[in-house]
């Protein structure tokens, strides 16, 4: 299936939700108003904060946030502390300061829904995306309500993740090999800095030889939002599992790593080491699909997410596309 057919199929699957007026909540600049988004953030913080807690996502439209400088300025105006992406699992390029490109997977690839860095011991509170160049077709930043995802999962699945937690495994090479290198992942050439980061962030690490690094992180399956006290689905199990790949790649990985699945570039299981049943992973993906909401990017848009209350992903696209991202705690 080509990229056009892929994103058309995804759009058809979620078309009934695309015009949802509350998710994301759209905050549009008034016609001919001289106000900047920085002013809006400073003067309307309480209302914006409440919108985030209620809706989980706010789309600021027509404020011209279309380059790294304007994104950085806006993020710095919103209460919180900008954070870098050291230790992150997605391929990105640092553009300026703490502004990055969005995940750099090929245009034909679908990026599944996830809460940013839910595999880590700390994660961004807010995520800011801005549209520098919208795709010609597709390229939606898909979003979903994490509260509703948990509510729609079966009791068996939600209880298993709630009680057992999730174990994430990443195998990083030193510059040559499949997947990510530890240098790119931690934005450093120093193994000592990597070890210090791991110790400070509850990451078990094991060196194999001088170059290869295994990371093991035991985390939660669900989470209580500190502002609303709502329990939400908060993990990336389906995204770390090899079945996130196409059938041929999945089967090849399972054959290659049959004796030691934890040696894959990335792998996931329950926190007690037991395998996650494929039926549960299938159910999770079905619930994600059911709850996916799309909107169409316009140049200069800024989307702000509460990273716990809202999951995000990306649909395939055609043509140039450039979405920038910054995060804050």
C-alpha atoms as a PDB file:
ATOM      1  CA  UNK A   1       0.000   0.000   0.000  1.00  0.00           C
ATOM      2  CA  UNK A   2       1.467   3.413  -0.950  1.00  0.00           C
ATOM      3  CA  UNK A   3       1.595   6.438   1.355  1.00  0.00           C
ATOM      4  CA  UNK A   4      -1.502   8.060  -0.167  1.00  0.00           C
ATOM      5  CA  UNK A   5      -3.609   4.947   0.375  1.00  0.00           C
ATOM      6  CA  UNK A   6      -2.281   4.535   3.919  1.00  0.00           C
ATOM      7  CA  UNK A   7      -3.212   8.004   5.140  1.00  0.00           C
ATOM      8  CA  UNK A   8      -6.525   7.921   3.253  1.00  0.00           C
ATOM      9  CA  UNK A   9      -7.385   4.679   5.036  1.00  0.00           C
ATOM     10  CA  UNK A  10      -6.483   6.143   8.415  1.00  0.00           C
ATOM     11  CA  UNK A  11      -8.525   9.285   7.731  1.00  0.00           C
ATOM     12  CA  UNK A  12     -11.572   7.194   6.780  1.00  0.00           C
ATOM     13  CA  UNK A  13     -11.263   5.172   9.984  1.00  0.00           C
ATOM     14  CA  UNK A  14     -11.436   8.274  12.180  1.00  0.00           C
ATOM     15  CA  UNK A  15     -13.470  10.630  10.015  1.00  0.00           C
ATOM     16  CA  UNK A  16     -16.377  10.655  12.464  1.00  0.00           C
ATOM     17  CA  UNK A  17     -14.139  12.295  15.065  1.00  0.00           C
ATOM     18  CA  UNK A  18     -12.240  14.778  12.920  1.00  0.00           C
ATOM     19  CA  UNK A  19     -14.680  17.623  13.505  1.00  0.00           C
ATOM     20  CA  UNK A  20     -14.787  17.180  17.288  1.00  0.00           C
ATOM     21  CA  UNK A  21     -15.098  20.811  18.428  1.00  0.00           C
ATOM     22  CA  UNK A  22     -13.684  20.238  21.905  1.00  0.00           C
ATOM     23  CA  UNK A  23     -10.628  18.139  21.117  1.00  0.00           C
ATOM     24  CA  UNK A  24      -8.490  19.954  20.430  1.00  0.00           C
ATOM     25  CA  UNK A  25     -10.008  23.171  21.755  1.00  0.00           C
ATOM     26  CA  UNK A  26      -9.314  25.818  19.100  1.00  0.00           C
ATOM     27  CA  UNK A  27      -8.102  29.238  20.312  1.00  0.00           C
ATOM     28  CA  UNK A  28      -8.070  31.459  17.240  1.00  0.00           C
ATOM     29  CA  UNK A  29      -6.554  34.894  16.995  1.00  0.00           C
ATOM     30  CA  UNK A  30      -9.121  37.628  16.543  1.00  0.00           C
ATOM     31  CA  UNK A  31      -9.158  39.286  13.111  1.00  0.00           C
ATOM     32  CA  UNK A  32      -6.659  42.146  12.845  1.00  0.00           C
ATOM     33  CA  UNK A  33      -5.757  41.794  16.515  1.00  0.00           C
ATOM     34  CA  UNK A  34      -2.173  42.833  17.283  1.00  0.00           C
ATOM     35  CA  UNK A  35      -1.910  40.415  20.219  1.00  0.00           C
ATOM     36  CA  UNK A  36       0.900  37.872  20.109  1.00  0.00           C
ATOM     37  CA  UNK A  37       0.807  34.356  21.454  1.00  0.00           C
ATOM     38  CA  UNK A  38       3.287  35.420  24.121  1.00  0.00           C
ATOM     39  CA  UNK A  39       0.729  38.000  25.305  1.00  0.00           C
ATOM     40  CA  UNK A  40      -2.048  35.413  25.221  1.00  0.00           C
ATOM     41  CA  UNK A  41       0.006  33.013  27.334  1.00  0.00           C
ATOM     42  CA  UNK A  42       0.829  35.675  29.905  1.00  0.00           C
ATOM     43  CA  UNK A  43      -2.626  37.227  30.115  1.00  0.00           C
ATOM     44  CA  UNK A  44      -4.754  34.074  29.884  1.00  0.00           C
ATOM     45  CA  UNK A  45      -2.684  31.466  31.696  1.00  0.00           C
ATOM     46  CA  UNK A  46      -5.434  30.419  34.106  1.00  0.00           C
ATOM     47  CA  UNK A  47      -7.945  29.889  31.321  1.00  0.00           C
ATOM     48  CA  UNK A  48      -5.444  28.025  29.147  1.00  0.00           C
ATOM     49  CA  UNK A  49      -4.450  25.835  32.062  1.00  0.00           C
ATOM     50  CA  UNK A  50      -8.089  24.982  32.714  1.00  0.00           C
ATOM     51  CA  UNK A  51      -8.657  24.205  29.046  1.00  0.00           C
ATOM     52  CA  UNK A  52      -5.692  21.829  29.133  1.00  0.00           C
ATOM     53  CA  UNK A  53      -7.023  20.061  32.224  1.00  0.00           C
ATOM     54  CA  UNK A  54     -10.508  19.796  30.723  1.00  0.00           C
ATOM     55  CA  UNK A  55      -9.727  19.137  27.063  1.00  0.00           C
ATOM     56  CA  UNK A  56      -6.130  17.925  27.132  1.00  0.00           C
ATOM     57  CA  UNK A  57      -5.254  19.761  23.913  1.00  0.00           C
ATOM     58  CA  UNK A  58      -5.432  23.387  22.733  1.00  0.00           C
ATOM     59  CA  UNK A  59      -4.756  24.452  19.142  1.00  0.00           C
ATOM     60  CA  UNK A  60      -3.642  28.090  18.811  1.00  0.00           C
ATOM     61  CA  UNK A  61      -4.406  29.259  15.287  1.00  0.00           C
ATOM     62  CA  UNK A  62      -3.327  32.308  13.266  1.00  0.00           C
ATOM     63  CA  UNK A  63      -0.560  33.450  15.639  1.00  0.00           C
ATOM     64  CA  UNK A  64       2.244  32.823  13.125  1.00  0.00           C
ATOM     65  CA  UNK A  65       4.314  30.342  15.153  1.00  0.00           C
ATOM     66  CA  UNK A  66       6.189  29.098  12.108  1.00  0.00           C
ATOM     67  CA  UNK A  67       9.887  28.932  12.991  1.00  0.00           C
ATOM     68  CA  UNK A  68      12.163  27.814  15.860  1.00  0.00           C
ATOM     69  CA  UNK A  69      12.585  31.339  17.224  1.00  0.00           C
ATOM     70  CA  UNK A  70       8.861  31.979  17.605  1.00  0.00           C
ATOM     71  CA  UNK A  71       8.246  28.536  19.067  1.00  0.00           C
ATOM     72  CA  UNK A  72      11.022  29.009  21.613  1.00  0.00           C
ATOM     73  CA  UNK A  73       9.694  32.465  22.527  1.00  0.00           C
ATOM     74  CA  UNK A  74       6.176  31.109  23.044  1.00  0.00           C
ATOM     75  CA  UNK A  75       7.293  28.127  25.117  1.00  0.00           C
ATOM     76  CA  UNK A  76       9.443  30.346  27.327  1.00  0.00           C
ATOM     77  CA  UNK A  77       6.439  32.607  27.964  1.00  0.00           C
ATOM     78  CA  UNK A  78       4.343  29.734  29.324  1.00  0.00           C
ATOM     79  CA  UNK A  79       5.052  28.842  32.978  1.00  0.00           C
ATOM     80  CA  UNK A  80       7.314  25.830  33.238  1.00  0.00           C
ATOM     81  CA  UNK A  81      10.856  24.847  32.335  1.00  0.00           C
ATOM     82  CA  UNK A  82      11.913  23.840  28.832  1.00  0.00           C
ATOM     83  CA  UNK A  83      13.516  20.393  28.765  1.00  0.00           C
ATOM     84  CA  UNK A  84      15.847  18.657  26.336  1.00  0.00           C
ATOM     85  CA  UNK A  85      15.309  15.243  24.765  1.00  0.00           C
ATOM     86  CA  UNK A  86      18.343  13.458  26.225  1.00  0.00           C
ATOM     87  CA  UNK A  87      17.500   9.782  26.657  1.00  0.00           C
ATOM     88  CA  UNK A  88      14.575   9.965  24.241  1.00  0.00           C
ATOM     89  CA  UNK A  89      13.672   7.102  21.934  1.00  0.00           C
ATOM     90  CA  UNK A  90      12.638   8.952  18.756  1.00  0.00           C
ATOM     91  CA  UNK A  91      14.995  10.138  16.001  1.00  0.00           C
ATOM     92  CA  UNK A  92      15.034  13.950  16.096  1.00  0.00           C
ATOM     93  CA  UNK A  93      17.305  16.838  15.181  1.00  0.00           C
ATOM     94  CA  UNK A  94      18.022  19.622  17.632  1.00  0.00           C
ATOM     95  CA  UNK A  95      17.178  22.809  15.722  1.00  0.00           C
ATOM     96  CA  UNK A  96      17.746  25.561  18.286  1.00  0.00           C
ATOM     97  CA  UNK A  97      18.048  25.560  22.058  1.00  0.00           C
ATOM     98  CA  UNK A  98      15.424  23.061  23.206  1.00  0.00           C
ATOM     99  CA  UNK A  99      13.513  23.078  19.908  1.00  0.00           C
ATOM    100  CA  UNK A 100      13.601  19.836  17.918  1.00  0.00           C
ATOM    101  CA  UNK A 101      12.159  18.411  14.753  1.00  0.00           C
ATOM    102  CA  UNK A 102       9.209  16.109  15.289  1.00  0.00           C
ATOM    103  CA  UNK A 103       9.995  12.391  14.965  1.00  0.00           C
ATOM    104  CA  UNK A 104      11.936  11.803  11.758  1.00  0.00           C
ATOM    105  CA  UNK A 105      10.391   8.559  10.567  1.00  0.00           C
ATOM    106  CA  UNK A 106       9.870   8.110   6.779  1.00  0.00           C
ATOM    107  CA  UNK A 107       6.859   9.834   5.248  1.00  0.00           C
ATOM    108  CA  UNK A 108       5.089   6.526   4.533  1.00  0.00           C
ATOM    109  CA  UNK A 109       5.303   5.426   8.174  1.00  0.00           C
ATOM    110  CA  UNK A 110       2.450   5.676  10.641  1.00  0.00           C
ATOM    111  CA  UNK A 111       3.536   6.764  14.144  1.00  0.00           C
ATOM    112  CA  UNK A 112       1.269   5.200  16.727  1.00  0.00           C
ATOM    113  CA  UNK A 113      -0.313   7.108  19.578  1.00  0.00           C
ATOM    114  CA  UNK A 114       1.818   7.572  22.677  1.00  0.00           C
ATOM    115  CA  UNK A 115       2.434   9.871  25.641  1.00  0.00           C
ATOM    116  CA  UNK A 116       5.892  11.389  25.245  1.00  0.00           C
ATOM    117  CA  UNK A 117       8.597   9.571  27.263  1.00  0.00           C
ATOM    118  CA  UNK A 118       6.122   7.501  29.284  1.00  0.00           C
ATOM    119  CA  UNK A 119       8.919   4.901  29.348  1.00  0.00           C
ATOM    120  CA  UNK A 120      11.044   7.261  31.466  1.00  0.00           C
ATOM    121  CA  UNK A 121      10.909   8.075  35.186  1.00  0.00           C
ATOM    122  CA  UNK A 122      10.151  11.718  34.321  1.00  0.00           C
ATOM    123  CA  UNK A 123       8.361  13.099  31.308  1.00  0.00           C
ATOM    124  CA  UNK A 124       7.331  16.476  29.886  1.00  0.00           C
ATOM    125  CA  UNK A 125       4.230  18.024  31.403  1.00  0.00           C
ATOM    126  CA  UNK A 126       3.420  19.923  28.218  1.00  0.00           C
ATOM    127  CA  UNK A 127       4.332  19.431  24.563  1.00  0.00           C
ATOM    128  CA  UNK A 128       4.265  22.258  22.021  1.00  0.00           C
ATOM    129  CA  UNK A 129       4.099  21.477  18.288  1.00  0.00           C
ATOM    130  CA  UNK A 130       4.225  24.184  15.640  1.00  0.00           C
ATOM    131  CA  UNK A 131       3.679  23.909  11.906  1.00  0.00           C
ATOM    132  CA  UNK A 132       6.462  25.354   9.778  1.00  0.00           C
ATOM    133  CA  UNK A 133       5.481  23.503   6.592  1.00  0.00           C
ATOM    134  CA  UNK A 134       2.225  21.539   6.299  1.00  0.00           C
ATOM    135  CA  UNK A 135       2.269  18.393   4.163  1.00  0.00           C
ATOM    136  CA  UNK A 136       0.597  18.404   0.767  1.00  0.00           C
ATOM    137  CA  UNK A 137      -1.531  15.470   1.892  1.00  0.00           C
ATOM    138  CA  UNK A 138      -1.832  13.695   5.233  1.00  0.00           C
ATOM    139  CA  UNK A 139       0.772  14.356   7.895  1.00  0.00           C
ATOM    140  CA  UNK A 140      -1.800  14.951  10.630  1.00  0.00           C
ATOM    141  CA  UNK A 141      -0.617  14.968  14.208  1.00  0.00           C
ATOM    142  CA  UNK A 142      -3.135  12.476  15.541  1.00  0.00           C
ATOM    143  CA  UNK A 143      -4.298  12.920  19.134  1.00  0.00           C
ATOM    144  CA  UNK A 144      -6.401  10.951  21.607  1.00  0.00           C
ATOM    145  CA  UNK A 145      -7.853  11.332  25.096  1.00  0.00           C
ATOM    146  CA  UNK A 146      -5.789   9.175  27.504  1.00  0.00           C
ATOM    147  CA  UNK A 147      -8.668   9.040  29.983  1.00  0.00           C
ATOM    148  CA  UNK A 148     -10.992   7.614  27.355  1.00  0.00           C
ATOM    149  CA  UNK A 149      -8.402   5.118  26.142  1.00  0.00           C
ATOM    150  CA  UNK A 150      -8.210   3.595  29.629  1.00  0.00           C
ATOM    151  CA  UNK A 151     -12.013   3.607  29.959  1.00  0.00           C
ATOM    152  CA  UNK A 152     -12.416   1.737  26.657  1.00  0.00           C
ATOM    153  CA  UNK A 153      -9.931  -1.036  27.463  1.00  0.00           C
ATOM    154  CA  UNK A 154     -11.150  -4.290  28.966  1.00  0.00           C
ATOM    155  CA  UNK A 155     -10.805  -4.790  32.700  1.00  0.00           C
ATOM    156  CA  UNK A 156      -8.447  -7.706  32.089  1.00  0.00           C
ATOM    157  CA  UNK A 157      -6.032  -5.577  30.050  1.00  0.00           C
ATOM    158  CA  UNK A 158      -6.151  -2.473  32.223  1.00  0.00           C
ATOM    159  CA  UNK A 159      -5.716  -4.506  35.421  1.00  0.00           C
ATOM    160  CA  UNK A 160      -2.750  -6.427  33.998  1.00  0.00           C
ATOM    161  CA  UNK A 161      -0.902  -3.221  33.095  1.00  0.00           C
ATOM    162  CA  UNK A 162      -1.930  -1.462  36.298  1.00  0.00           C
ATOM    163  CA  UNK A 163      -0.729  -4.302  38.525  1.00  0.00           C
ATOM    164  CA  UNK A 164       2.354  -5.528  36.644  1.00  0.00           C
ATOM    165  CA  UNK A 165       3.682  -2.346  35.064  1.00  0.00           C
ATOM    166  CA  UNK A 166       5.860  -2.354  31.958  1.00  0.00           C
ATOM    167  CA  UNK A 167       9.520  -3.252  31.365  1.00  0.00           C
ATOM    168  CA  UNK A 168      11.177  -1.395  28.472  1.00  0.00           C
ATOM    169  CA  UNK A 169      14.444  -2.650  26.992  1.00  0.00           C
ATOM    170  CA  UNK A 170      16.622  -0.708  24.554  1.00  0.00           C
ATOM    171  CA  UNK A 171      19.890  -1.895  23.017  1.00  0.00           C
ATOM    172  CA  UNK A 172      21.955   1.009  21.739  1.00  0.00           C
ATOM    173  CA  UNK A 173      25.058   0.630  19.588  1.00  0.00           C
ATOM    174  CA  UNK A 174      28.148   2.834  19.658  1.00  0.00           C
ATOM    175  CA  UNK A 175      27.795   4.173  16.139  1.00  0.00           C
ATOM    176  CA  UNK A 176      27.437   1.115  13.912  1.00  0.00           C
ATOM    177  CA  UNK A 177      24.403  -1.149  13.983  1.00  0.00           C
ATOM    178  CA  UNK A 178      20.590  -1.257  13.780  1.00  0.00           C
ATOM    179  CA  UNK A 179      18.527   1.268  15.687  1.00  0.00           C
ATOM    180  CA  UNK A 180      19.817   4.246  17.641  1.00  0.00           C
ATOM    181  CA  UNK A 181      23.305   4.906  19.008  1.00  0.00           C
ATOM    182  CA  UNK A 182      23.807   5.844  22.645  1.00  0.00           C
ATOM    183  CA  UNK A 183      25.624   8.998  21.526  1.00  0.00           C
ATOM    184  CA  UNK A 184      22.600  10.290  19.617  1.00  0.00           C
ATOM    185  CA  UNK A 185      20.160   9.103  22.269  1.00  0.00           C
ATOM    186  CA  UNK A 186      21.879  10.955  25.106  1.00  0.00           C
ATOM    187  CA  UNK A 187      23.245  13.869  23.039  1.00  0.00           C
ATOM    188  CA  UNK A 188      26.800  13.250  24.280  1.00  0.00           C
ATOM    189  CA  UNK A 189      30.001  11.393  23.404  1.00  0.00           C
ATOM    190  CA  UNK A 190      30.782  10.721  27.081  1.00  0.00           C
ATOM    191  CA  UNK A 191      29.946   7.299  28.514  1.00  0.00           C
ATOM    192  CA  UNK A 192      30.413   8.787  31.992  1.00  0.00           C
ATOM    193  CA  UNK A 193      27.674  11.340  31.310  1.00  0.00           C
ATOM    194  CA  UNK A 194      25.411   8.542  30.087  1.00  0.00           C
ATOM    195  CA  UNK A 195      25.985   6.534  33.253  1.00  0.00           C
ATOM    196  CA  UNK A 196      25.325   9.583  35.423  1.00  0.00           C
ATOM    197  CA  UNK A 197      22.073  10.218  33.545  1.00  0.00           C
ATOM    198  CA  UNK A 198      20.996   6.605  34.013  1.00  0.00           C
ATOM    199  CA  UNK A 199      21.723   6.610  37.739  1.00  0.00           C
ATOM    200  CA  UNK A 200      19.816   9.878  38.175  1.00  0.00           C
ATOM    201  CA  UNK A 201      16.824   8.605  36.201  1.00  0.00           C
ATOM    202  CA  UNK A 202      16.320   5.090  37.558  1.00  0.00           C
ATOM    203  CA  UNK A 203      17.618   3.356  34.420  1.00  0.00           C
ATOM    204  CA  UNK A 204      19.454   0.057  34.766  1.00  0.00           C
ATOM    205  CA  UNK A 205      22.348   0.015  32.287  1.00  0.00           C
ATOM    206  CA  UNK A 206      24.700  -2.686  31.084  1.00  0.00           C
ATOM    207  CA  UNK A 207      27.665  -2.240  28.759  1.00  0.00           C
ATOM    208  CA  UNK A 208      28.525  -5.024  26.336  1.00  0.00           C
ATOM    209  CA  UNK A 209      32.129  -4.541  25.331  1.00  0.00           C
ATOM    210  CA  UNK A 210      33.091  -0.885  25.116  1.00  0.00           C
ATOM    211  CA  UNK A 211      30.400   0.326  22.755  1.00  0.00           C
ATOM    212  CA  UNK A 212      27.037  -1.421  23.130  1.00  0.00           C
ATOM    213  CA  UNK A 213      24.644  -0.333  25.861  1.00  0.00           C
ATOM    214  CA  UNK A 214      21.486  -2.003  27.180  1.00  0.00           C
ATOM    215  CA  UNK A 215      18.916   0.121  29.029  1.00  0.00           C
ATOM    216  CA  UNK A 216      16.233  -1.461  31.212  1.00  0.00           C
ATOM    217  CA  UNK A 217      13.422   0.676  32.626  1.00  0.00           C
ATOM    218  CA  UNK A 218      10.531  -0.565  34.759  1.00  0.00           C
ATOM    219  CA  UNK A 219       7.617   1.855  34.636  1.00  0.00           C
ATOM    220  CA  UNK A 220       3.902   2.232  35.235  1.00  0.00           C
ATOM    221  CA  UNK A 221       1.085   1.050  32.980  1.00  0.00           C
ATOM    222  CA  UNK A 222      -1.413   3.679  34.132  1.00  0.00           C
ATOM    223  CA  UNK A 223      -0.996   6.993  35.923  1.00  0.00           C
ATOM    224  CA  UNK A 224      -2.988   9.379  38.131  1.00  0.00           C
ATOM    225  CA  UNK A 225      -2.925  12.921  36.749  1.00  0.00           C
ATOM    226  CA  UNK A 226      -1.831  15.211  39.611  1.00  0.00           C
ATOM    227  CA  UNK A 227      -4.113  18.062  38.543  1.00  0.00           C
ATOM    228  CA  UNK A 228      -7.363  16.210  37.870  1.00  0.00           C
ATOM    229  CA  UNK A 229      -6.759  12.992  39.877  1.00  0.00           C
ATOM    230  CA  UNK A 230      -8.050  11.059  36.855  1.00  0.00           C
ATOM    231  CA  UNK A 231      -6.424   7.730  36.083  1.00  0.00           C
ATOM    232  CA  UNK A 232      -5.144   7.539  32.512  1.00  0.00           C
ATOM    233  CA  UNK A 233      -3.509   5.010  30.207  1.00  0.00           C
ATOM    234  CA  UNK A 234       0.180   5.920  30.241  1.00  0.00           C
ATOM    235  CA  UNK A 235       2.688   3.599  28.593  1.00  0.00           C
ATOM    236  CA  UNK A 236       4.220   2.806  25.214  1.00  0.00           C
ATOM    237  CA  UNK A 237       4.054  -0.970  25.324  1.00  0.00           C
ATOM    238  CA  UNK A 238       2.506  -1.415  21.896  1.00  0.00           C
ATOM    239  CA  UNK A 239       5.056   0.960  20.335  1.00  0.00           C
ATOM    240  CA  UNK A 240       8.078  -0.823  21.852  1.00  0.00           C
ATOM    241  CA  UNK A 241       6.808  -4.306  21.000  1.00  0.00           C
ATOM    242  CA  UNK A 242       8.219  -5.780  17.752  1.00  0.00           C
ATOM    243  CA  UNK A 243       4.660  -6.301  16.490  1.00  0.00           C
ATOM    244  CA  UNK A 244       4.507  -2.540  15.909  1.00  0.00           C
ATOM    245  CA  UNK A 245       6.392  -3.323  12.682  1.00  0.00           C
ATOM    246  CA  UNK A 246       4.856  -4.864   9.591  1.00  0.00           C
ATOM    247  CA  UNK A 247       4.163  -8.604   9.639  1.00  0.00           C
ATOM    248  CA  UNK A 248       7.291  -9.551   7.676  1.00  0.00           C
ATOM    249  CA  UNK A 249       9.627  -7.493   9.869  1.00  0.00           C
ATOM    250  CA  UNK A 250       7.913  -8.717  13.037  1.00  0.00           C
ATOM    251  CA  UNK A 251       8.260 -12.370  12.050  1.00  0.00           C
ATOM    252  CA  UNK A 252      11.890 -11.855  11.027  1.00  0.00           C
ATOM    253  CA  UNK A 253      12.731 -10.209  14.358  1.00  0.00           C
ATOM    254  CA  UNK A 254      11.053 -12.965  16.329  1.00  0.00           C
ATOM    255  CA  UNK A 255      13.012 -15.578  14.385  1.00  0.00           C
ATOM    256  CA  UNK A 256      16.370 -13.794  14.697  1.00  0.00           C
ATOM    257  CA  UNK A 257      15.954 -13.108  18.412  1.00  0.00           C
ATOM    258  CA  UNK A 258      14.013 -16.247  19.290  1.00  0.00           C
ATOM    259  CA  UNK A 259      16.448 -17.214  22.044  1.00  0.00           C
ATOM    260  CA  UNK A 260      16.809 -13.718  23.499  1.00  0.00           C
ATOM    261  CA  UNK A 261      14.069 -11.249  22.555  1.00  0.00           C
ATOM    262  CA  UNK A 262      15.555  -8.709  24.970  1.00  0.00           C
ATOM    263  CA  UNK A 263      18.525  -8.387  22.582  1.00  0.00           C
ATOM    264  CA  UNK A 264      16.317  -6.667  19.965  1.00  0.00           C
ATOM    265  CA  UNK A 265      17.041  -2.958  19.376  1.00  0.00           C
ATOM    266  CA  UNK A 266      13.956  -2.411  21.528  1.00  0.00           C
ATOM    267  CA  UNK A 267      11.596  -4.741  23.333  1.00  0.00           C
ATOM    268  CA  UNK A 268       8.885  -4.665  25.983  1.00  0.00           C
ATOM    269  CA  UNK A 269       7.234  -7.046  28.413  1.00  0.00           C
ATOM    270  CA  UNK A 270       5.310  -6.822  31.662  1.00  0.00           C
ATOM    271  CA  UNK A 271       7.201  -5.517  34.668  1.00  0.00           C
ATOM    272  CA  UNK A 272       7.526  -9.053  36.077  1.00  0.00           C
ATOM    273  CA  UNK A 273       9.272 -10.232  32.902  1.00  0.00           C
ATOM    274  CA  UNK A 274       6.290 -12.102  31.465  1.00  0.00           C
ATOM    275  CA  UNK A 275       5.280 -11.632  27.830  1.00  0.00           C
ATOM    276  CA  UNK A 276       2.426  -9.304  26.923  1.00  0.00           C
ATOM    277  CA  UNK A 277      -0.218 -11.374  25.087  1.00  0.00           C
ATOM    278  CA  UNK A 278      -0.736 -10.420  21.455  1.00  0.00           C
ATOM    279  CA  UNK A 279      -4.483 -10.274  22.090  1.00  0.00           C
ATOM    280  CA  UNK A 280      -3.903  -7.422  24.546  1.00  0.00           C
ATOM    281  CA  UNK A 281      -1.654  -5.555  22.125  1.00  0.00           C
ATOM    282  CA  UNK A 282      -4.289  -5.968  19.398  1.00  0.00           C
ATOM    283  CA  UNK A 283      -6.945  -4.626  21.756  1.00  0.00           C
ATOM    284  CA  UNK A 284      -4.810  -1.614  22.686  1.00  0.00           C
ATOM    285  CA  UNK A 285      -4.310  -0.744  19.016  1.00  0.00           C
ATOM    286  CA  UNK A 286      -8.019  -1.097  18.304  1.00  0.00           C
ATOM    287  CA  UNK A 287      -8.865   1.249  21.186  1.00  0.00           C
ATOM    288  CA  UNK A 288      -6.247   3.740  19.971  1.00  0.00           C
ATOM    289  CA  UNK A 289      -7.784   3.674  16.502  1.00  0.00           C
ATOM    290  CA  UNK A 290     -11.282   4.147  17.919  1.00  0.00           C
ATOM    291  CA  UNK A 291     -10.188   7.233  19.878  1.00  0.00           C
ATOM    292  CA  UNK A 292      -7.949   8.870  17.278  1.00  0.00           C
ATOM    293  CA  UNK A 293      -8.834  12.457  16.364  1.00  0.00           C
ATOM    294  CA  UNK A 294      -7.326  14.333  13.425  1.00  0.00           C
ATOM    295  CA  UNK A 295      -7.103  18.006  12.552  1.00  0.00           C
ATOM    296  CA  UNK A 296      -5.532  19.666   9.523  1.00  0.00           C
ATOM    297  CA  UNK A 297      -2.343  21.652  10.128  1.00  0.00           C
ATOM    298  CA  UNK A 298      -2.119  25.243   8.896  1.00  0.00           C
ATOM    299  CA  UNK A 299       1.192  27.076   8.660  1.00  0.00           C
ATOM    300  CA  UNK A 300       1.859  28.920  11.931  1.00  0.00           C
ATOM    301  CA  UNK A 301      -0.404  26.719  14.084  1.00  0.00           C
ATOM    302  CA  UNK A 302       0.731  25.805  17.597  1.00  0.00           C
ATOM    303  CA  UNK A 303      -0.702  22.735  19.318  1.00  0.00           C
ATOM    304  CA  UNK A 304      -0.240  22.465  23.085  1.00  0.00           C
ATOM    305  CA  UNK A 305      -0.865  19.119  24.786  1.00  0.00           C
ATOM    306  CA  UNK A 306      -1.078  18.042  28.380  1.00  0.00           C
ATOM    307  CA  UNK A 307       1.249  15.069  27.895  1.00  0.00           C
ATOM    308  CA  UNK A 308      -0.518  12.900  30.470  1.00  0.00           C
ATOM    309  CA  UNK A 309      -4.093  13.615  29.404  1.00  0.00           C
ATOM    310  CA  UNK A 310      -3.433  13.430  25.642  1.00  0.00           C
ATOM    311  CA  UNK A 311      -1.580  10.938  23.481  1.00  0.00           C
ATOM    312  CA  UNK A 312      -0.259  11.872  20.050  1.00  0.00           C
ATOM    313  CA  UNK A 313       1.045  10.268  16.868  1.00  0.00           C
ATOM    314  CA  UNK A 314       1.360  10.999  13.137  1.00  0.00           C
ATOM    315  CA  UNK A 315      -0.298   9.871   9.932  1.00  0.00           C
ATOM    316  CA  UNK A 316       1.695   9.193   6.736  1.00  0.00           C
ATOM    317  CA  UNK A 317       2.087  12.100   4.335  1.00  0.00           C
ATOM    318  CA  UNK A 318       3.004  13.238   0.849  1.00  0.00           C
ATOM    319  CA  UNK A 319       5.202  16.231   0.040  1.00  0.00           C
ATOM    320  CA  UNK A 320       7.379  18.321   2.333  1.00  0.00           C
ATOM    321  CA  UNK A 321       6.335  18.542   5.981  1.00  0.00           C
ATOM    322  CA  UNK A 322       8.060  20.207   8.906  1.00  0.00           C
ATOM    323  CA  UNK A 323       6.606  20.191  12.396  1.00  0.00           C
ATOM    324  CA  UNK A 324       8.768  21.509  15.232  1.00  0.00           C
ATOM    325  CA  UNK A 325       8.417  20.457  18.856  1.00  0.00           C
ATOM    326  CA  UNK A 326       9.456  21.718  22.260  1.00  0.00           C
ATOM    327  CA  UNK A 327       8.677  20.312  25.698  1.00  0.00           C
ATOM    328  CA  UNK A 328       8.393  21.670  29.213  1.00  0.00           C
ATOM    329  CA  UNK A 329       8.108  20.342  32.730  1.00  0.00           C
END
